[in-house]
Amino acid sequence: DNPKYNFKRNAKNNVFVIYVSQLTSYNFNKEDLEFQQKYNVKYSLIGSYKIDYLTKHNKLTFKHLKKKYKKTWLTEIRKDAVGLEKK
């Protein structure tokens, strides 16, 4: 799969996905739900994707968030989001 193609296709539909390494189900806590709603993103299981795909896809989503929301999202995102640079 092509992460850039999939990102662009989803973005046209205003769907932004963040793959999360420690996510095992879609039972989100309050903070996760609020983050997804506030920033119009969806946390997703990594499934059978390779780490390289997940990292590239998430970096495109992070770039979108940075452009739209500056740095406010960085303190609220799950720390186990694939490819998130540790600060």
Foldseek 3Di string as FASTA:
>chain_A
DALVVVLVVCVVVLEAEWEFAPDDDPPDDPLQVVLCVVQVYYYDYPPPDDLVSNQVNNVVSVVVCCVVPNCPSVVRDDPRGRNDDDD
